[in-house]
Protein backbone atom coordinates (compact mmCIF):
# COMPACT_ATOMS: atom_id res chain seq x y z
CA MET A 1 -57.51 48.95 10.78
CA ARG A 2 -55.81 46.82 13.20
CA PHE A 3 -55.99 43.75 10.92
CA SER A 4 -54.83 45.62 7.88
CA PHE A 5 -51.69 46.94 9.90
CA GLN A 6 -50.88 43.43 11.15
CA ALA A 7 -51.45 41.87 7.67
CA THR A 8 -48.99 44.57 6.19
CA VAL A 9 -46.34 43.72 8.94
CA VAL A 10 -46.68 39.97 8.13
CA PHE A 11 -46.51 40.76 4.40
CA PHE A 12 -43.24 42.67 4.80
CA SER A 13 -41.67 40.15 7.09
CA VAL A 14 -42.47 37.41 4.55
CA LEU A 15 -41.10 39.55 1.78
CA LEU A 16 -37.84 40.38 3.69
CA LEU A 17 -37.41 36.58 4.52
CA PHE A 18 -37.77 35.57 0.79
CA SER A 19 -35.46 38.53 -0.30
CA CYS A 20 -32.74 37.26 2.31
CA SER A 21 -33.23 33.82 1.13
CA GLY A 22 -32.83 34.71 -2.61
CA LYS A 23 -29.71 36.66 -1.58
CA ASN A 24 -28.31 33.50 0.04
CA ARG A 25 -29.12 31.53 -2.95
CA GLY A 26 -27.41 34.03 -5.21
CA ALA A 27 -24.20 33.93 -3.11
CA LYS A 28 -24.27 30.03 -3.12
CA GLU A 29 -24.76 30.03 -6.91
CA TYR A 30 -21.63 32.37 -7.25
CA LEU A 31 -19.61 30.07 -4.85
CA SER A 32 -20.70 27.07 -6.87
CA GLN A 33 -19.64 28.74 -10.15
CA ALA A 34 -16.29 29.71 -8.50
CA GLY A 35 -15.71 25.97 -7.46
CA LYS A 36 -16.48 24.79 -10.96
CA ALA A 37 -14.14 27.41 -12.46
CA TYR A 38 -11.48 26.07 -10.19
CA GLN A 39 -11.93 22.49 -10.98
CA GLU A 40 -11.76 23.57 -14.74
CA GLY A 41 -8.46 25.45 -14.18
CA ASN A 42 -10.09 28.72 -14.93
CA TYR A 43 -8.60 30.58 -12.03
CA PRO A 44 -9.18 34.08 -13.28
CA LEU A 45 -12.89 33.38 -13.45
CA ALA A 46 -12.97 31.64 -10.10
CA LYS A 47 -11.45 34.61 -8.29
CA LEU A 48 -13.85 36.92 -10.02
CA LYS A 49 -16.73 34.99 -8.77
CA ILE A 50 -15.30 35.01 -5.24
CA ASP A 51 -14.74 38.81 -5.28
CA SER A 52 -18.10 39.25 -6.50
CA ILE A 53 -19.81 37.38 -3.38
CA LYS A 54 -18.09 39.95 -1.23
CA ILE A 55 -19.44 42.90 -3.27
CA LEU A 56 -22.87 41.64 -4.03
CA PHE A 57 -23.73 39.69 -0.91
CA PRO A 58 -21.73 41.46 1.97
CA LYS A 59 -23.89 39.70 4.47
CA SER A 60 -23.56 36.23 3.27
CA PHE A 61 -20.91 35.35 5.72
CA ASP A 62 -20.72 31.65 5.21
CA GLU A 63 -20.31 32.02 1.51
CA ILE A 64 -17.63 34.68 1.99
CA ASN A 65 -15.67 32.52 4.38
CA ALA A 66 -16.06 29.48 2.17
CA GLY A 67 -14.86 31.84 -0.73
CA PHE A 68 -11.72 32.87 1.21
CA ALA A 69 -10.85 29.15 1.71
CA LEU A 70 -11.33 28.47 -1.97
CA MET A 71 -9.14 31.62 -2.87
CA GLN A 72 -6.17 30.06 -0.88
CA GLN A 73 -6.61 26.66 -2.79
CA ILE A 74 -6.68 28.81 -6.09
CA ARG A 75 -3.54 30.55 -5.09
CA MET A 76 -1.86 27.40 -4.36
CA ALA A 77 -3.01 25.83 -7.61
CA GLU A 78 -1.81 28.92 -9.56
CA ASN A 79 1.58 28.91 -8.19
CA ARG A 80 2.01 25.24 -8.50
CA ARG A 81 1.11 25.52 -12.17
CA ASN A 82 3.40 28.43 -12.49
CA ILE A 83 6.29 26.40 -11.17
CA VAL A 84 5.52 23.62 -13.72
CA TYR A 85 5.49 26.34 -16.60
CA CYS A 86 8.69 27.97 -15.31
CA ASP A 87 10.47 24.38 -15.20
CA SER A 88 9.41 23.84 -18.80
CA MET A 89 10.52 27.11 -20.22
CA LEU A 90 13.85 26.97 -18.33
CA GLY A 91 14.45 23.60 -20.04
CA VAL A 92 13.91 25.38 -23.33
CA LYS A 93 15.91 28.30 -22.46
CA TYR A 94 18.98 26.28 -21.19
CA ALA A 95 18.93 24.12 -24.22
CA GLU A 96 18.98 27.34 -26.43
CA LEU A 97 21.73 28.67 -24.05
CA ASN A 98 24.03 25.69 -24.63
CA GLY A 99 23.87 26.42 -28.37
CA LYS A 100 24.77 30.06 -27.93
CA LEU A 101 27.70 29.68 -25.45
CA SER A 102 29.79 28.19 -28.13
CA ARG A 103 30.01 31.62 -29.71
CA PHE A 104 31.62 33.13 -26.63
CA ASP A 105 34.70 33.04 -24.45
CA TYR A 106 34.21 32.94 -20.76
CA VAL A 107 36.50 34.93 -18.64
CA ARG A 108 36.67 35.20 -14.79
CA ASP A 109 39.39 36.35 -12.61
CA GLU A 110 38.67 34.50 -9.21
CA ARG A 111 40.59 37.09 -7.36
CA TYR A 112 38.26 39.85 -8.05
CA GLN A 113 35.15 38.57 -9.77
CA GLU A 114 32.45 36.60 -8.18
CA PHE A 115 30.79 36.16 -11.55
CA GLY A 116 32.34 36.04 -15.11
CA GLU A 117 31.62 37.63 -18.39
CA TYR A 118 31.09 36.40 -21.83
CA TYR A 119 32.92 37.88 -24.83
CA PRO A 120 31.88 37.23 -28.42
CA LYS A 121 34.34 35.32 -30.36
CA ALA A 122 33.07 37.11 -33.55
CA TYR A 123 34.87 40.35 -32.20
CA PRO A 124 37.61 39.11 -29.78
CA HIS A 125 38.14 41.28 -26.78
CA GLN A 126 41.78 41.51 -26.54
CA SER A 127 42.36 42.25 -30.18
CA SER A 128 39.73 44.93 -30.32
CA LEU A 129 41.95 47.14 -28.41
CA SER A 130 43.82 47.93 -31.66
CA ARG A 131 40.71 48.98 -33.49
CA ASN A 132 38.61 52.27 -33.13
CA GLY A 133 34.88 51.02 -32.62
CA LEU A 134 32.73 49.15 -30.21
CA ARG A 135 33.16 45.82 -28.40
CA SER A 136 30.75 44.05 -26.14
CA GLY A 137 30.33 41.49 -23.47
CA VAL A 138 27.71 40.05 -21.07
CA ARG A 139 27.94 39.52 -17.44
CA GLU A 140 27.11 36.01 -16.07
CA LYS A 141 23.66 37.29 -14.82
CA GLY A 142 22.67 38.66 -18.22
CA VAL A 143 23.71 42.35 -17.96
CA LEU A 144 24.99 43.54 -21.34
CA PHE A 145 27.68 46.16 -21.73
CA ILE A 146 29.44 47.82 -24.57
CA GLU A 147 32.86 49.62 -24.65
CA SER A 148 33.95 52.34 -26.96
CA ILE A 149 37.54 52.23 -27.86
CA LEU A 150 39.44 55.01 -29.44
CA SER A 151 43.11 55.31 -30.06
CA GLY A 152 45.49 57.75 -31.53
CA SER A 153 43.16 60.73 -31.03
CA THR A 154 42.68 62.66 -27.89
CA VAL A 155 38.96 63.36 -27.73
CA ARG A 156 38.24 62.63 -24.13
CA HIS A 157 34.99 61.24 -25.16
CA ASN A 158 32.29 60.11 -22.77
CA LYS A 159 29.44 59.02 -25.12
CA VAL A 160 28.92 57.49 -28.49
CA LYS A 161 26.17 57.87 -31.11
CA VAL A 162 25.32 55.02 -33.67
CA SER A 163 23.58 55.98 -36.83
CA THR A 164 22.47 54.67 -40.22
CA ALA A 165 22.54 56.52 -43.56
CA ASP A 166 18.72 57.05 -43.50
CA GLY A 167 18.88 59.04 -40.20
CA ASN A 168 18.06 56.35 -37.52
CA TYR A 169 20.32 56.57 -34.56
CA ALA A 170 20.83 55.67 -30.86
CA GLU A 171 23.03 57.44 -28.38
CA THR A 172 24.50 56.36 -25.10
CA LEU A 173 24.16 58.57 -22.08
CA PRO A 174 27.41 60.33 -20.84
CA VAL A 175 29.68 58.23 -18.67
CA THR A 176 31.77 60.09 -16.17
CA SER A 177 32.56 57.77 -13.43
CA ASP A 178 36.08 56.68 -12.76
CA GLY A 179 36.75 53.12 -13.63
CA LEU A 180 34.12 53.05 -16.44
CA ASN A 181 35.65 56.13 -18.31
CA TYR A 182 39.54 55.79 -18.48
CA ARG A 183 42.62 56.71 -20.54
CA PHE A 184 46.10 55.55 -20.79
CA ASN A 185 48.99 56.09 -23.01
CA THR A 186 51.76 53.73 -24.47
CA GLN A 187 54.91 54.57 -26.16
CA ASP A 188 53.22 55.27 -29.43
CA LYS A 189 49.46 55.79 -28.79
CA ALA A 190 46.77 57.31 -26.48
CA TYR A 191 43.78 55.09 -25.67
CA GLU A 192 40.25 55.97 -24.39
CA ILE A 193 37.89 53.27 -23.26
CA VAL A 194 34.44 53.93 -21.87
CA ARG A 195 32.09 51.25 -20.76
CA TYR A 196 28.32 51.68 -21.04
CA SER A 197 25.90 49.32 -19.21
CA GLY A 198 22.42 49.45 -17.86
CA ASN A 199 20.89 52.99 -18.10
CA SER A 200 23.95 54.44 -19.90
CA GLU A 201 23.94 51.90 -22.52
CA ASN A 202 20.50 53.38 -23.40
CA GLY A 203 19.51 50.89 -26.19
CA VAL A 204 22.46 51.19 -28.46
CA ALA A 205 23.11 47.46 -28.58
CA GLY A 206 19.43 46.77 -29.52
CA PHE A 207 19.80 49.43 -32.32
CA ILE A 208 22.83 47.66 -33.72
CA TYR A 209 21.21 44.40 -33.56
CA THR A 210 18.09 45.85 -35.41
CA PHE A 211 20.27 47.47 -38.16
CA ARG A 212 23.07 44.84 -38.22
CA ASN A 213 22.76 44.25 -41.90
CA GLN A 214 23.22 47.93 -42.78
CA PRO A 215 26.17 50.20 -42.55
CA ILE A 216 26.37 51.70 -39.15
CA SER A 217 28.58 54.91 -38.30
CA ILE A 218 29.96 55.44 -34.73
CA GLN A 219 30.48 58.99 -33.35
CA PHE A 220 32.75 59.38 -30.48
CA ILE A 221 31.48 62.47 -28.71
CA GLY A 222 33.77 64.52 -26.38
CA LYS A 223 35.66 67.79 -26.70
CA ARG A 224 35.29 67.13 -30.24
CA SER A 225 33.95 64.25 -32.37
CA VAL A 226 35.50 61.47 -34.35
CA THR A 227 33.30 59.29 -36.67
CA VAL A 228 34.18 55.78 -37.91
CA THR A 229 32.33 52.88 -39.67
CA MET A 230 31.44 49.85 -37.65
CA THR A 231 32.87 46.79 -39.03
CA ASP A 232 30.80 43.70 -39.90
CA ALA A 233 32.78 41.78 -37.19
CA ALA A 234 31.97 44.34 -34.52
CA LYS A 235 28.14 44.31 -35.47
CA LYS A 236 28.08 40.64 -35.26
CA GLY A 237 29.82 40.66 -31.84
CA VAL A 238 27.23 43.21 -30.43
CA SER A 239 24.50 41.37 -32.00
CA ASP A 240 25.56 38.00 -30.45
CA SER A 241 26.01 39.69 -27.09
CA PHE A 242 22.45 41.28 -27.42
CA GLU A 243 21.06 37.79 -28.10
CA LEU A 244 22.91 36.22 -25.11
CA SER A 245 22.09 38.94 -22.77
CA SER A 246 18.28 38.66 -23.58
CA LEU A 247 18.29 34.91 -23.14
CA LEU A 248 20.24 35.11 -19.93
CA LEU A 249 17.88 37.75 -18.58
CA ASP A 250 14.97 35.53 -19.53
CA ILE A 251 16.51 32.72 -17.60
CA GLU A 252 17.09 34.93 -14.41
CA ARG A 253 13.49 36.21 -14.64
CA LEU A 254 12.11 32.59 -15.00
CA LYS A 255 14.32 31.46 -12.04
CA LEU A 256 13.01 34.42 -9.77
CA GLU A 257 9.39 33.80 -10.78
CA LYS A 258 9.75 30.16 -9.88
CA GLU A 259 11.37 31.02 -6.47
CA LYS A 260 8.48 33.40 -5.75
CA SER A 261 5.94 30.83 -6.49
CA GLU A 262 7.77 28.16 -4.53
CA ALA A 263 7.89 30.48 -1.52
CA LEU A 264 4.29 31.27 -1.72
CA VAL A 265 3.43 27.58 -1.85
CA ARG A 266 5.46 26.91 1.10
CA TYR A 267 3.70 29.88 3.02
CA LEU A 268 0.14 28.50 1.98
CA GLU A 269 1.17 24.87 3.08
CA GLY A 270 2.29 26.27 6.35
CA ARG A 271 -1.00 28.11 6.95
CA ASN A 272 -2.88 24.90 6.42
CA GLN A 273 -1.00 22.89 8.85
């Protein structure tokens, strides 16, 4: 009985030893696969293998630590690659921007404005005051705005609805803020001008861009409603502004993404010193 008990203890000790050894081999294999994926530039797979080591082999501390070190290299490589990608895309976007800016007038009052605004030449900003309808512009950082202009009628409108003959429509949110919703009178006319930007614009410019080749009606909504047909020049102006805004916002997004990657690279380099 004593011999049988001792043999059992030895058997289980050997089994445990081989089991632990097998686990270490498994962790080393995952680490090797992570390193291979890293060398091949397959960073998502490399990170997956490293994460798996911690989950499947929680006591393989050497491999876990080695995986952590490899993860820092992967993060460095990912962000360096992202910087190269952003630089490449920015080059493409800036070339496209140079072509589009010829369609716009740039206006900036240095006394009051840190950044200027772009107004489409297809629907000149100043002359648009004499027409009931929508005009548009783009701030230098890419934020689009539209303005509804109504003259000769006192509606006290604070929003507009644009629609096509087949029932598609988009509508701004009401604007009540002073400075964005204002009215004035001349000797012969009353004017109402409301600016919609950000949330209040509510996709109206995108709607006009989508249906720019169809007739579009504009409904000024206030104490009562007035409806006019949008001119081709106004649709062209809003469409040009929509394209420019999308392009400038893409550029700003790429610049921010690049800055984040550069900051992370500097941080990781500092940790390695």
